[in-house]
C-alpha cells in the first residue's frame, strides 16, 4: 500500500495591502498559529535562498510568504483556519503535489476559500490517483 506524502503549501499574504514592515510582522505572527493547525507539520518563513522571481526580501526572508508542509488528509483544517482568519482579505496559495505539479489558488471570501479547498482536494486526489497508477496500485495485473 502506498504511503501518502505530505503536501507543500505556500501562503502569500502580499495582497493584504500592508507596508513591508507590517507584512513581515503579519507573516511572523501567523507562523506559530499555522503550526498549531491540525495536520500542519511545519510552517516556516520563506528564506531569501528560495526567492521566486520578483519577490521582495526583508531581513533574510521573503515578505509575506510562508511555506507549509501538511498531511493532505488534514488540508481542510488549513483552509478552514485561513478562511476564519482571512475570510474577507485576499491571499494566494500554491499547493504543490508530491509529483511536482503546482496548483495556484486565490481567495478573498469564505465562499472563495470553500471553492479553493474543493479545487485543492480535487488536485490532490488526482495527484494520488496518478501516482497509484504509475506504481501499480489498484492494478489487477499481478493477481491470480
N, C-alpha and C. Protein backbone atom coordinates (compact mmCIF):
# COMPACT_ATOMS: atom_id res chain seq x y z
N UNK A 1 0.83 -1.17 0.00
CA UNK A 1 0.00 0.00 0.00
C UNK A 1 0.88 1.24 0.00
N UNK A 2 0.53 2.21 -0.79
CA UNK A 2 1.32 3.42 -0.92
C UNK A 2 1.15 4.31 0.30
N UNK A 3 2.24 4.96 0.69
CA UNK A 3 2.14 5.94 1.76
C UNK A 3 1.85 7.29 1.13
N UNK A 4 1.10 8.11 1.85
CA UNK A 4 0.73 9.42 1.34
C UNK A 4 1.76 10.42 1.82
N UNK A 5 2.37 11.13 0.86
CA UNK A 5 3.38 12.12 1.18
C UNK A 5 2.71 13.42 1.62
N UNK A 6 3.42 14.14 2.47
CA UNK A 6 2.93 15.46 2.85
C UNK A 6 2.94 16.38 1.64
N UNK A 7 2.12 17.40 1.71
CA UNK A 7 1.96 18.36 0.63
C UNK A 7 2.61 19.68 1.04
N UNK A 8 3.21 20.35 0.08
CA UNK A 8 3.78 21.67 0.32
C UNK A 8 2.76 22.73 -0.08
N UNK A 9 2.54 23.69 0.80
CA UNK A 9 1.62 24.80 0.51
C UNK A 9 2.36 26.09 0.82
N UNK A 10 2.32 27.02 -0.12
CA UNK A 10 2.89 28.35 0.10
C UNK A 10 1.73 29.32 0.27
N UNK A 11 1.78 30.10 1.33
CA UNK A 11 0.77 31.11 1.62
C UNK A 11 1.41 32.46 1.36
N UNK A 12 0.76 33.25 0.48
CA UNK A 12 1.26 34.57 0.10
C UNK A 12 0.30 35.63 0.60
N UNK A 13 0.76 36.46 1.52
CA UNK A 13 -0.06 37.49 2.14
C UNK A 13 0.09 38.86 1.48
N UNK A 14 0.79 38.94 0.36
CA UNK A 14 1.10 40.23 -0.27
C UNK A 14 -0.16 41.02 -0.63
N UNK A 15 -1.27 40.35 -0.90
CA UNK A 15 -2.50 41.03 -1.28
C UNK A 15 -3.20 41.75 -0.14
N UNK A 16 -2.66 41.66 1.06
CA UNK A 16 -3.30 42.32 2.20
C UNK A 16 -3.14 43.83 2.18
N UNK A 17 -2.27 44.34 1.32
CA UNK A 17 -2.10 45.79 1.20
C UNK A 17 -1.35 46.43 2.35
N UNK A 18 -0.49 45.68 3.00
CA UNK A 18 0.30 46.20 4.12
C UNK A 18 1.65 46.69 3.63
N UNK A 19 2.25 47.64 4.39
CA UNK A 19 3.60 48.05 4.04
C UNK A 19 4.55 46.91 4.39
N UNK A 20 5.80 46.99 3.95
CA UNK A 20 6.74 45.88 4.09
C UNK A 20 6.92 45.42 5.54
N UNK A 21 7.06 46.37 6.45
CA UNK A 21 7.29 46.02 7.85
C UNK A 21 6.06 45.31 8.43
N UNK A 22 4.86 45.82 8.16
CA UNK A 22 3.64 45.21 8.68
C UNK A 22 3.36 43.86 8.02
N UNK A 23 3.69 43.74 6.74
CA UNK A 23 3.51 42.47 6.04
C UNK A 23 4.38 41.38 6.65
N UNK A 24 5.62 41.73 6.92
CA UNK A 24 6.51 40.75 7.53
C UNK A 24 6.06 40.42 8.95
N UNK A 25 5.60 41.41 9.70
CA UNK A 25 5.09 41.16 11.05
C UNK A 25 3.88 40.23 11.01
N UNK A 26 3.00 40.42 10.03
CA UNK A 26 1.83 39.55 9.88
C UNK A 26 2.26 38.11 9.62
N UNK A 27 3.23 37.93 8.73
CA UNK A 27 3.74 36.58 8.42
C UNK A 27 4.38 35.96 9.65
N UNK A 28 5.16 36.73 10.39
CA UNK A 28 5.82 36.21 11.58
C UNK A 28 4.82 35.84 12.67
N UNK A 29 3.74 36.62 12.79
CA UNK A 29 2.70 36.32 13.78
C UNK A 29 1.86 35.11 13.37
N UNK A 30 1.69 34.92 12.07
CA UNK A 30 0.87 33.83 11.56
C UNK A 30 1.57 32.48 11.66
N UNK A 31 2.89 32.47 11.55
CA UNK A 31 3.66 31.22 11.55
C UNK A 31 3.36 30.33 12.74
N UNK A 32 3.45 30.80 13.98
CA UNK A 32 3.17 29.89 15.11
C UNK A 32 1.70 29.45 15.15
N UNK A 33 0.80 30.28 14.66
CA UNK A 33 -0.61 29.89 14.62
C UNK A 33 -0.82 28.75 13.62
N UNK A 34 -0.15 28.84 12.48
CA UNK A 34 -0.26 27.77 11.49
C UNK A 34 0.33 26.47 12.00
N UNK A 35 1.39 26.57 12.79
CA UNK A 35 2.00 25.36 13.37
C UNK A 35 1.03 24.63 14.30
N UNK A 36 0.04 25.34 14.81
CA UNK A 36 -0.95 24.75 15.71
C UNK A 36 -2.12 24.11 14.96
N UNK A 37 -2.25 24.36 13.66
CA UNK A 37 -3.35 23.78 12.89
C UNK A 37 -3.13 22.28 12.75
N UNK A 38 -4.17 21.50 13.04
CA UNK A 38 -4.07 20.05 12.98
C UNK A 38 -3.68 19.61 11.58
N UNK A 39 -2.60 18.84 11.49
CA UNK A 39 -2.12 18.33 10.20
C UNK A 39 -0.94 19.09 9.64
N UNK A 40 -0.70 20.32 10.11
CA UNK A 40 0.45 21.10 9.64
C UNK A 40 1.69 20.57 10.35
N UNK A 41 2.62 20.04 9.58
CA UNK A 41 3.86 19.50 10.14
C UNK A 41 4.85 20.62 10.42
N UNK A 42 5.00 21.54 9.46
CA UNK A 42 5.89 22.68 9.63
C UNK A 42 5.30 23.90 8.95
N UNK A 43 5.59 25.06 9.50
CA UNK A 43 5.24 26.33 8.89
C UNK A 43 6.44 27.25 9.11
N UNK A 44 7.04 27.68 8.01
CA UNK A 44 8.26 28.48 8.09
C UNK A 44 8.18 29.68 7.15
N UNK A 45 8.86 30.75 7.53
CA UNK A 45 9.02 31.88 6.63
C UNK A 45 9.90 31.42 5.47
N UNK A 46 9.67 31.99 4.31
CA UNK A 46 10.45 31.64 3.13
C UNK A 46 11.74 32.44 3.15
N UNK A 47 12.87 31.74 3.08
CA UNK A 47 14.16 32.42 3.13
C UNK A 47 14.53 32.99 1.77
N UNK A 48 15.46 33.92 1.77
CA UNK A 48 15.90 34.57 0.54
C UNK A 48 16.44 33.56 -0.46
N UNK A 49 17.04 32.48 0.01
CA UNK A 49 17.60 31.47 -0.90
C UNK A 49 16.51 30.84 -1.78
N UNK A 50 15.27 30.86 -1.31
CA UNK A 50 14.14 30.26 -2.04
C UNK A 50 13.34 31.31 -2.81
N UNK A 51 13.97 32.42 -3.16
CA UNK A 51 13.27 33.57 -3.73
C UNK A 51 12.69 33.31 -5.11
N UNK A 52 11.36 33.43 -5.26
CA UNK A 52 10.78 33.41 -6.60
C UNK A 52 11.07 34.73 -7.30
N UNK A 53 10.98 34.76 -8.62
CA UNK A 53 11.23 35.99 -9.37
C UNK A 53 10.29 37.09 -8.93
N UNK A 54 10.84 38.29 -8.76
CA UNK A 54 10.03 39.46 -8.45
C UNK A 54 9.65 39.60 -6.99
N UNK A 55 10.06 38.69 -6.13
CA UNK A 55 9.70 38.76 -4.72
C UNK A 55 10.61 39.74 -3.99
N UNK A 56 10.08 40.37 -2.97
CA UNK A 56 10.85 41.30 -2.15
C UNK A 56 11.28 40.61 -0.87
N UNK A 57 12.52 40.89 -0.45
CA UNK A 57 13.05 40.27 0.76
C UNK A 57 13.22 41.32 1.84
N UNK A 58 13.19 40.86 3.08
CA UNK A 58 13.35 41.73 4.24
C UNK A 58 14.00 40.91 5.34
N UNK A 59 15.21 41.27 5.75
CA UNK A 59 15.87 40.60 6.85
C UNK A 59 16.13 39.12 6.62
N UNK A 60 16.41 38.73 5.38
CA UNK A 60 16.72 37.34 5.08
C UNK A 60 15.52 36.49 4.74
N UNK A 61 14.32 37.08 4.79
CA UNK A 61 13.09 36.35 4.47
C UNK A 61 12.31 37.10 3.40
N UNK A 62 11.51 36.36 2.66
CA UNK A 62 10.65 36.97 1.66
C UNK A 62 9.43 37.55 2.34
N UNK A 63 9.04 38.71 1.92
CA UNK A 63 7.93 39.40 2.56
C UNK A 63 6.61 38.67 2.36
N UNK A 64 5.95 38.37 3.45
CA UNK A 64 4.61 37.84 3.42
C UNK A 64 4.45 36.43 2.89
N UNK A 65 5.52 35.65 2.80
CA UNK A 65 5.43 34.28 2.30
C UNK A 65 5.76 33.27 3.39
N UNK A 66 4.93 32.24 3.46
CA UNK A 66 5.16 31.14 4.38
C UNK A 66 5.07 29.83 3.62
N UNK A 67 5.97 28.91 3.92
CA UNK A 67 5.92 27.56 3.36
C UNK A 67 5.41 26.62 4.44
N UNK A 68 4.46 25.77 4.06
CA UNK A 68 3.90 24.80 5.00
C UNK A 68 4.10 23.41 4.45
N UNK A 69 4.24 22.47 5.34
CA UNK A 69 4.19 21.06 4.99
C UNK A 69 3.02 20.50 5.76
N UNK A 70 2.07 19.89 5.04
CA UNK A 70 0.85 19.43 5.67
C UNK A 70 0.46 18.05 5.16
N UNK A 71 -0.12 17.28 6.05
CA UNK A 71 -0.67 15.99 5.66
C UNK A 71 -1.90 16.27 4.81
N UNK A 72 -1.98 15.71 3.61
CA UNK A 72 -3.11 16.02 2.72
C UNK A 72 -4.47 15.65 3.31
N UNK A 73 -4.51 14.70 4.23
CA UNK A 73 -5.77 14.32 4.86
C UNK A 73 -6.32 15.44 5.74
N UNK A 74 -5.46 16.37 6.12
CA UNK A 74 -5.87 17.46 7.01
C UNK A 74 -5.91 18.82 6.31
N UNK A 75 -5.89 18.84 5.00
CA UNK A 75 -5.82 20.13 4.31
C UNK A 75 -7.07 20.98 4.55
N UNK A 76 -8.20 20.34 4.83
CA UNK A 76 -9.42 21.09 5.13
C UNK A 76 -9.22 21.95 6.38
N UNK A 77 -8.48 21.43 7.37
CA UNK A 77 -8.20 22.21 8.57
C UNK A 77 -7.47 23.50 8.23
N UNK A 78 -6.52 23.41 7.31
CA UNK A 78 -5.78 24.60 6.90
C UNK A 78 -6.70 25.61 6.23
N UNK A 79 -7.51 25.16 5.29
CA UNK A 79 -8.40 26.07 4.58
C UNK A 79 -9.44 26.68 5.52
N UNK A 80 -9.92 25.92 6.49
CA UNK A 80 -10.86 26.46 7.47
C UNK A 80 -10.19 27.54 8.31
N UNK A 81 -8.96 27.27 8.75
CA UNK A 81 -8.22 28.27 9.53
C UNK A 81 -8.01 29.55 8.73
N UNK A 82 -7.55 29.40 7.49
CA UNK A 82 -7.29 30.57 6.65
C UNK A 82 -8.58 31.33 6.36
N UNK A 83 -9.67 30.62 6.14
CA UNK A 83 -10.95 31.27 5.89
C UNK A 83 -11.41 32.06 7.11
N UNK A 84 -11.25 31.47 8.29
CA UNK A 84 -11.63 32.16 9.52
C UNK A 84 -10.74 33.39 9.76
N UNK A 85 -9.47 33.26 9.45
CA UNK A 85 -8.50 34.33 9.72
C UNK A 85 -8.52 35.42 8.65
N UNK A 86 -8.72 35.03 7.38
CA UNK A 86 -8.62 35.98 6.26
C UNK A 86 -9.87 35.96 5.39
N UNK A 87 -11.02 35.68 5.95
CA UNK A 87 -12.25 35.50 5.19
C UNK A 87 -12.60 36.61 4.23
N UNK A 88 -12.20 37.83 4.51
CA UNK A 88 -12.53 38.96 3.63
C UNK A 88 -11.29 39.68 3.12
N UNK A 89 -10.16 38.98 3.13
CA UNK A 89 -8.91 39.57 2.67
C UNK A 89 -8.29 38.65 1.64
N UNK A 90 -7.70 39.22 0.58
CA UNK A 90 -7.14 38.36 -0.47
C UNK A 90 -5.79 37.74 -0.09
N UNK A 91 -5.71 36.43 -0.25
CA UNK A 91 -4.43 35.75 -0.13
C UNK A 91 -4.30 34.76 -1.27
N UNK A 92 -3.06 34.42 -1.56
CA UNK A 92 -2.76 33.45 -2.62
C UNK A 92 -2.15 32.22 -1.98
N UNK A 93 -2.45 31.08 -2.59
CA UNK A 93 -1.92 29.81 -2.12
C UNK A 93 -1.36 29.05 -3.31
N UNK A 94 -0.29 28.34 -3.09
CA UNK A 94 0.25 27.42 -4.08
C UNK A 94 0.34 26.06 -3.40
N UNK A 95 -0.38 25.09 -3.95
CA UNK A 95 -0.36 23.72 -3.44
C UNK A 95 0.52 22.93 -4.38
N UNK A 96 1.55 22.31 -3.82
CA UNK A 96 2.49 21.53 -4.63
C UNK A 96 2.32 20.06 -4.30
N UNK A 97 1.92 19.28 -5.30
CA UNK A 97 1.75 17.85 -5.13
C UNK A 97 3.08 17.14 -5.03
N UNK A 98 3.04 15.91 -4.57
CA UNK A 98 4.26 15.13 -4.42
C UNK A 98 4.90 14.80 -5.76
N UNK A 99 4.15 14.97 -6.87
CA UNK A 99 4.70 14.72 -8.19
C UNK A 99 5.32 15.97 -8.81
N UNK A 100 5.35 17.09 -8.05
CA UNK A 100 5.97 18.32 -8.52
C UNK A 100 5.02 19.30 -9.18
N UNK A 101 3.82 18.85 -9.52
CA UNK A 101 2.85 19.78 -10.13
C UNK A 101 2.37 20.76 -9.07
N UNK A 102 1.97 21.96 -9.55
CA UNK A 102 1.51 23.01 -8.64
C UNK A 102 0.13 23.49 -9.05
N UNK A 103 -0.64 23.88 -8.04
CA UNK A 103 -1.95 24.48 -8.24
C UNK A 103 -1.93 25.84 -7.58
N UNK A 104 -2.18 26.90 -8.36
CA UNK A 104 -2.23 28.26 -7.84
C UNK A 104 -3.67 28.62 -7.54
N UNK A 105 -3.91 29.10 -6.32
CA UNK A 105 -5.24 29.47 -5.87
C UNK A 105 -5.22 30.88 -5.29
N UNK A 106 -6.37 31.53 -5.35
CA UNK A 106 -6.53 32.84 -4.75
C UNK A 106 -7.91 32.89 -4.13
N UNK A 107 -8.00 33.46 -2.93
CA UNK A 107 -9.29 33.56 -2.26
C UNK A 107 -9.36 34.86 -1.48
N UNK A 108 -10.57 35.45 -1.45
CA UNK A 108 -10.76 36.68 -0.68
C UNK A 108 -12.13 36.72 0.00
N UNK A 109 -12.80 35.58 0.09
CA UNK A 109 -14.06 35.49 0.83
C UNK A 109 -14.22 34.06 1.29
N UNK A 110 -15.14 33.84 2.21
CA UNK A 110 -15.37 32.49 2.72
C UNK A 110 -15.79 31.55 1.59
N UNK A 111 -16.62 32.04 0.69
CA UNK A 111 -17.07 31.22 -0.44
C UNK A 111 -15.89 30.85 -1.34
N UNK A 112 -14.99 31.81 -1.58
CA UNK A 112 -13.83 31.53 -2.41
C UNK A 112 -12.87 30.56 -1.71
N UNK A 113 -12.76 30.64 -0.38
CA UNK A 113 -11.93 29.66 0.34
C UNK A 113 -12.53 28.27 0.22
N UNK A 114 -13.87 28.17 0.30
CA UNK A 114 -14.51 26.87 0.12
C UNK A 114 -14.25 26.33 -1.28
N UNK A 115 -14.37 27.19 -2.28
CA UNK A 115 -14.11 26.78 -3.66
C UNK A 115 -12.64 26.38 -3.84
N UNK A 116 -11.73 27.16 -3.26
CA UNK A 116 -10.29 26.86 -3.35
C UNK A 116 -9.99 25.52 -2.68
N UNK A 117 -10.64 25.25 -1.55
CA UNK A 117 -10.45 23.97 -0.88
C UNK A 117 -10.88 22.82 -1.80
N UNK A 118 -12.04 22.96 -2.45
CA UNK A 118 -12.52 21.91 -3.35
C UNK A 118 -11.53 21.68 -4.49
N UNK A 119 -11.00 22.78 -5.05
CA UNK A 119 -10.00 22.67 -6.13
C UNK A 119 -8.74 21.97 -5.62
N UNK A 120 -8.29 22.32 -4.43
CA UNK A 120 -7.09 21.69 -3.86
C UNK A 120 -7.34 20.21 -3.61
N UNK A 121 -8.51 19.88 -3.09
CA UNK A 121 -8.84 18.48 -2.82
C UNK A 121 -8.87 17.68 -4.12
N UNK A 122 -9.49 18.22 -5.16
CA UNK A 122 -9.52 17.54 -6.47
C UNK A 122 -8.11 17.36 -7.01
N UNK A 123 -7.30 18.39 -6.90
CA UNK A 123 -5.91 18.35 -7.36
C UNK A 123 -5.14 17.25 -6.64
N UNK A 124 -5.26 17.19 -5.31
CA UNK A 124 -4.53 16.20 -4.54
C UNK A 124 -5.05 14.79 -4.81
N UNK A 125 -6.36 14.64 -4.99
CA UNK A 125 -6.91 13.32 -5.33
C UNK A 125 -6.40 12.85 -6.68
N UNK A 126 -6.36 13.76 -7.66
CA UNK A 126 -5.85 13.40 -8.99
C UNK A 126 -4.36 13.08 -8.94
N UNK A 127 -3.61 13.80 -8.13
CA UNK A 127 -2.18 13.54 -7.97
C UNK A 127 -1.98 12.15 -7.38
N UNK A 128 -2.77 11.80 -6.36
CA UNK A 128 -2.65 10.49 -5.73
C UNK A 128 -3.03 9.37 -6.69
N UNK A 129 -4.11 9.57 -7.45
CA UNK A 129 -4.54 8.56 -8.41
C UNK A 129 -3.47 8.34 -9.48
N UNK A 130 -2.85 9.44 -9.92
CA UNK A 130 -1.79 9.33 -10.93
C UNK A 130 -0.61 8.54 -10.38
N UNK A 131 -0.22 8.82 -9.15
CA UNK A 131 0.89 8.10 -8.54
C UNK A 131 0.55 6.63 -8.35
N UNK A 132 -0.69 6.35 -7.92
CA UNK A 132 -1.10 4.96 -7.72
C UNK A 132 -1.03 4.19 -9.03
N UNK A 133 -1.49 4.79 -10.12
CA UNK A 133 -1.48 4.09 -11.41
C UNK A 133 -0.05 3.90 -11.91
N UNK A 134 0.84 4.85 -11.62
CA UNK A 134 2.24 4.71 -12.03
C UNK A 134 2.97 3.65 -11.23
N UNK A 135 2.52 3.41 -9.99
CA UNK A 135 3.17 2.42 -9.13
C UNK A 135 2.40 1.11 -9.09
N UNK A 136 1.39 0.98 -9.91
CA UNK A 136 0.66 -0.28 -9.99
C UNK A 136 -0.36 -0.50 -8.90
N UNK A 137 -0.64 0.52 -8.08
CA UNK A 137 -1.65 0.38 -7.03
C UNK A 137 -3.00 0.19 -7.69
N UNK A 138 -3.77 -0.73 -7.20
CA UNK A 138 -5.10 -0.96 -7.72
C UNK A 138 -5.11 -1.77 -9.02
N UNK A 139 -3.94 -2.16 -9.47
CA UNK A 139 -3.85 -2.95 -10.70
C UNK A 139 -4.20 -4.41 -10.43
N UNK A 140 -4.84 -5.04 -11.41
CA UNK A 140 -5.18 -6.45 -11.28
C UNK A 140 -4.18 -7.32 -12.04
N UNK A 141 -3.14 -6.73 -12.58
CA UNK A 141 -2.20 -7.46 -13.42
C UNK A 141 -1.46 -8.56 -12.67
N UNK A 142 -1.16 -8.36 -11.39
CA UNK A 142 -0.39 -9.34 -10.64
C UNK A 142 -1.25 -10.31 -9.86
N UNK A 143 -2.56 -10.23 -10.01
CA UNK A 143 -3.45 -11.12 -9.25
C UNK A 143 -3.69 -12.41 -10.01
N UNK A 144 -3.88 -13.50 -9.27
CA UNK A 144 -4.17 -14.80 -9.89
C UNK A 144 -5.64 -14.94 -10.15
